[in-house]
Each structure stands twice: as C-alpha cells, then as structure tokens.
Amino acid sequence: MTPGFALVESLVALLLTAIALAALSAGAAAGVRFVRDARERSAAVVLAADRLEALRAGPRGSGDDEVAAAGVSFTRVWRSEGGRGGPVHLEVEVHWAGGQIALESEAFP
C-alpha cells in the first residue's frame, strides 16, 4: 500500500455513508408528508360523509361552515337540488389548505 491510500479510502467510505444517510432522511421526510396528507384527506372524507348523512336525514338545504379536525381547518359547502317527486341531488365539498374533496349522492323525498 502506498502512503495516503488509507486516507483516500476512508474519505470515499465517508462520502458513500453521507449519500446513503441523505437518501434515507429524504425518504423518511416523504413518508411523514404522505402520512400527514392521508390523515387530512381521511378527516375531510369523514366530515363530508357526516354532512351528507345529515342532508339525507333532513332538513335539506344549502350552506357552509368551518370545522377544525386533525389540527387542520376545513371548510364545508353543501347543496341540495331537485326533489318535487324525483330524487334530491346532494353534494358536499370540503376544502382545506392541502386540497379538496367532493361527495355526491341522491335521496328520495
């Protein structure tokens, strides 16, 4: 072995270790972000489904409100159209900083 080779070999091993740790930390950060997004989306679906069930049960109308759940502020907007002998079209939209969802259904008068 030539003098200084061990130092170069150690530096290369250190560089490879640093690259591997950077990749692992980026993967962990992405995983945390995906879990947070899933939790927010799940809370939004539950809020929309609750409002949709309330509309099915009556009274039916249009409106909006703000709800805080899972540490996030959600805005719900709901509408009901139709009826008068036919099915009533019900729609609920939930908006938050991370996205939005919409659920639709029909109910008989």
C-alpha atoms as a PDB file:
ATOM      1  CA  MET A   1       0.000   0.000   0.000  1.00  0.00           C
ATOM      2  CA  THR A   2       1.098   3.457  -0.752  1.00  0.00           C
ATOM      3  CA  PRO A   3       1.134   6.124   1.907  1.00  0.00           C
ATOM      4  CA  GLY A   4      -2.110   8.136   1.987  1.00  0.00           C
ATOM      5  CA  PHE A   5      -4.216   5.400   0.376  1.00  0.00           C
ATOM      6  CA  ALA A   6      -5.989   4.622   3.674  1.00  0.00           C
ATOM      7  CA  LEU A   7      -6.952   8.276   3.986  1.00  0.00           C
ATOM      8  CA  VAL A   8      -8.498   8.351   0.487  1.00  0.00           C
ATOM      9  CA  GLU A   9     -10.269   5.074   1.140  1.00  0.00           C
ATOM     10  CA  SER A  10     -11.693   6.461   4.397  1.00  0.00           C
ATOM     11  CA  LEU A  11     -12.892   9.643   2.663  1.00  0.00           C
ATOM     12  CA  VAL A  12     -14.641   7.634  -0.066  1.00  0.00           C
ATOM     13  CA  ALA A  13     -16.352   5.452   2.547  1.00  0.00           C
ATOM     14  CA  LEU A  14     -17.421   8.572   4.448  1.00  0.00           C
ATOM     15  CA  LEU A  15     -18.841  10.096   1.245  1.00  0.00           C
ATOM     16  CA  LEU A  16     -20.822   6.949   0.452  1.00  0.00           C
ATOM     17  CA  THR A  17     -22.180   6.854   4.006  1.00  0.00           C
ATOM     18  CA  ALA A  18     -23.234  10.514   3.772  1.00  0.00           C
ATOM     19  CA  ILE A  19     -25.049   9.871   0.469  1.00  0.00           C
ATOM     20  CA  ALA A  20     -26.858   6.872   1.958  1.00  0.00           C
ATOM     21  CA  LEU A  21     -27.919   8.865   5.045  1.00  0.00           C
ATOM     22  CA  ALA A  22     -29.171  11.731   2.870  1.00  0.00           C
ATOM     23  CA  ALA A  23     -31.283   9.320   0.828  1.00  0.00           C
ATOM     24  CA  LEU A  24     -32.716   7.725   3.987  1.00  0.00           C
ATOM     25  CA  SER A  25     -33.613  11.082   5.528  1.00  0.00           C
ATOM     26  CA  ALA A  26     -35.298  12.224   2.285  1.00  0.00           C
ATOM     27  CA  GLY A  27     -37.332   9.014   2.246  1.00  0.00           C
ATOM     28  CA  ALA A  28     -38.348   9.470   5.883  1.00  0.00           C
ATOM     29  CA  ALA A  29     -39.401  13.080   5.237  1.00  0.00           C
ATOM     30  CA  ALA A  30     -41.516  11.996   2.263  1.00  0.00           C
ATOM     31  CA  GLY A  31     -43.126   9.282   4.382  1.00  0.00           C
ATOM     32  CA  VAL A  32     -44.057  11.784   7.092  1.00  0.00           C
ATOM     33  CA  ARG A  33     -45.554  14.113   4.460  1.00  0.00           C
ATOM     34  CA  PHE A  34     -47.596  11.279   2.921  1.00  0.00           C
ATOM     35  CA  VAL A  35     -48.944  10.222   6.330  1.00  0.00           C
ATOM     36  CA  ARG A  36     -49.950  13.824   7.134  1.00  0.00           C
ATOM     37  CA  ASP A  37     -51.704  14.195   3.763  1.00  0.00           C
ATOM     38  CA  ALA A  38     -53.538  10.895   4.286  1.00  0.00           C
ATOM     39  CA  ARG A  39     -54.673  11.948   7.760  1.00  0.00           C
ATOM     40  CA  GLU A  40     -56.010  15.266   6.424  1.00  0.00           C
ATOM     41  CA  ARG A  41     -57.773  13.587   3.486  1.00  0.00           C
ATOM     42  CA  SER A  42     -59.301  10.971   5.805  1.00  0.00           C
ATOM     43  CA  ALA A  43     -60.616  13.682   8.134  1.00  0.00           C
ATOM     44  CA  ALA A  44     -62.083  15.542   5.130  1.00  0.00           C
ATOM     45  CA  VAL A  45     -63.877  12.406   3.902  1.00  0.00           C
ATOM     46  CA  VAL A  46     -65.362  11.810   7.354  1.00  0.00           C
ATOM     47  CA  LEU A  47     -66.553  15.437   7.567  1.00  0.00           C
ATOM     48  CA  ALA A  48     -68.114  15.240   4.094  1.00  0.00           C
ATOM     49  CA  ALA A  49     -69.794  11.898   4.819  1.00  0.00           C
ATOM     50  CA  ASP A  50     -71.210  13.213   8.114  1.00  0.00           C
ATOM     51  CA  ARG A  51     -72.726  16.236   6.383  1.00  0.00           C
ATOM     52  CA  LEU A  52     -74.073  14.064   3.555  1.00  0.00           C
ATOM     53  CA  GLU A  53     -75.802  11.769   6.067  1.00  0.00           C
ATOM     54  CA  ALA A  54     -77.282  14.808   7.827  1.00  0.00           C
ATOM     55  CA  LEU A  55     -78.629  16.072   4.491  1.00  0.00           C
ATOM     56  CA  ARG A  56     -80.174  12.678   3.735  1.00  0.00           C
ATOM     57  CA  ALA A  57     -81.907  12.689   7.105  1.00  0.00           C
ATOM     58  CA  GLY A  58     -83.131  16.270   6.589  1.00  0.00           C
ATOM     59  CA  PRO A  59     -83.661  19.128   6.600  1.00  0.00           C
ATOM     60  CA  ARG A  60     -82.147  19.619   3.172  1.00  0.00           C
ATOM     61  CA  GLY A  61     -80.747  22.935   2.096  1.00  0.00           C
ATOM     62  CA  SER A  62     -77.593  24.707   1.082  1.00  0.00           C
ATOM     63  CA  GLY A  63     -74.959  26.188   3.336  1.00  0.00           C
ATOM     64  CA  ASP A  64     -71.388  26.174   4.544  1.00  0.00           C
ATOM     65  CA  ASP A  65     -69.395  26.014   7.750  1.00  0.00           C
ATOM     66  CA  GLU A  66     -65.847  25.788   9.061  1.00  0.00           C
ATOM     67  CA  VAL A  67     -64.705  22.813  11.093  1.00  0.00           C
ATOM     68  CA  ALA A  68     -61.368  22.106  12.766  1.00  0.00           C
ATOM     69  CA  ALA A  69     -60.276  18.469  12.824  1.00  0.00           C
ATOM     70  CA  ALA A  70     -56.907  16.695  12.954  1.00  0.00           C
ATOM     71  CA  GLY A  71     -55.258  20.061  13.600  1.00  0.00           C
ATOM     72  CA  VAL A  72     -56.486  21.474  10.269  1.00  0.00           C
ATOM     73  CA  SER A  73     -59.212  23.986   9.394  1.00  0.00           C
ATOM     74  CA  PHE A  74     -61.737  22.623   6.888  1.00  0.00           C
ATOM     75  CA  THR A  75     -64.477  24.493   5.021  1.00  0.00           C
ATOM     76  CA  ARG A  76     -67.570  22.510   4.051  1.00  0.00           C
ATOM     77  CA  VAL A  77     -70.021  23.661   1.386  1.00  0.00           C
ATOM     78  CA  TRP A  78     -73.208  21.687   0.710  1.00  0.00           C
ATOM     79  CA  ARG A  79     -76.051  21.939  -1.775  1.00  0.00           C
ATOM     80  CA  SER A  80     -79.271  20.091  -2.446  1.00  0.00           C
ATOM     81  CA  GLU A  81     -81.139  20.399  -5.721  1.00  0.00           C
ATOM     82  CA  GLY A  82     -84.200  18.797  -7.217  1.00  0.00           C
ATOM     83  CA  GLY A  83     -86.894  16.872  -5.491  1.00  0.00           C
ATOM     84  CA  ARG A  84     -90.576  17.549  -6.176  1.00  0.00           C
ATOM     85  CA  GLY A  85     -91.395  13.957  -6.975  1.00  0.00           C
ATOM     86  CA  GLY A  86     -87.901  12.933  -8.050  1.00  0.00           C
ATOM     87  CA  PRO A  87     -84.678  12.251  -6.197  1.00  0.00           C
ATOM     88  CA  VAL A  88     -82.883  15.117  -4.497  1.00  0.00           C
ATOM     89  CA  HIS A  89     -79.263  15.597  -5.629  1.00  0.00           C
ATOM     90  CA  LEU A  90     -76.992  16.154  -2.618  1.00  0.00           C
ATOM     91  CA  GLU A  91     -73.423  17.429  -2.884  1.00  0.00           C
ATOM     92  CA  VAL A  92     -70.838  18.205  -0.202  1.00  0.00           C
ATOM     93  CA  GLU A  93     -67.426  19.781  -0.888  1.00  0.00           C
ATOM     94  CA  VAL A  94     -64.676  20.032   1.707  1.00  0.00           C
ATOM     95  CA  HIS A  95     -61.745  22.421   1.186  1.00  0.00           C
ATOM     96  CA  TRP A  96     -58.559  22.773   3.218  1.00  0.00           C
ATOM     97  CA  ALA A  97     -55.067  24.132   2.634  1.00  0.00           C
ATOM     98  CA  GLY A  98     -53.847  20.747   1.374  1.00  0.00           C
ATOM     99  CA  GLY A  99     -56.639  20.034  -1.116  1.00  0.00           C
ATOM    100  CA  GLN A 100     -60.320  19.402  -1.586  1.00  0.00           C
ATOM    101  CA  ILE A 101     -62.801  16.549  -1.997  1.00  0.00           C
ATOM    102  CA  ALA A 102     -66.426  16.299  -3.089  1.00  0.00           C
ATOM    103  CA  LEU A 103     -69.054  13.666  -2.321  1.00  0.00           C
ATOM    104  CA  GLU A 104     -72.375  13.386  -4.143  1.00  0.00           C
ATOM    105  CA  SER A 105     -75.475  11.314  -3.521  1.00  0.00           C
ATOM    106  CA  GLU A 106     -79.188  11.227  -4.181  1.00  0.00           C
ATOM    107  CA  ALA A 107     -82.053  10.840  -1.763  1.00  0.00           C
ATOM    108  CA  PHE A 108     -85.737  10.365  -2.303  1.00  0.00           C
ATOM    109  CA  PRO A 109     -88.066  12.927  -0.753  1.00  0.00           C
END
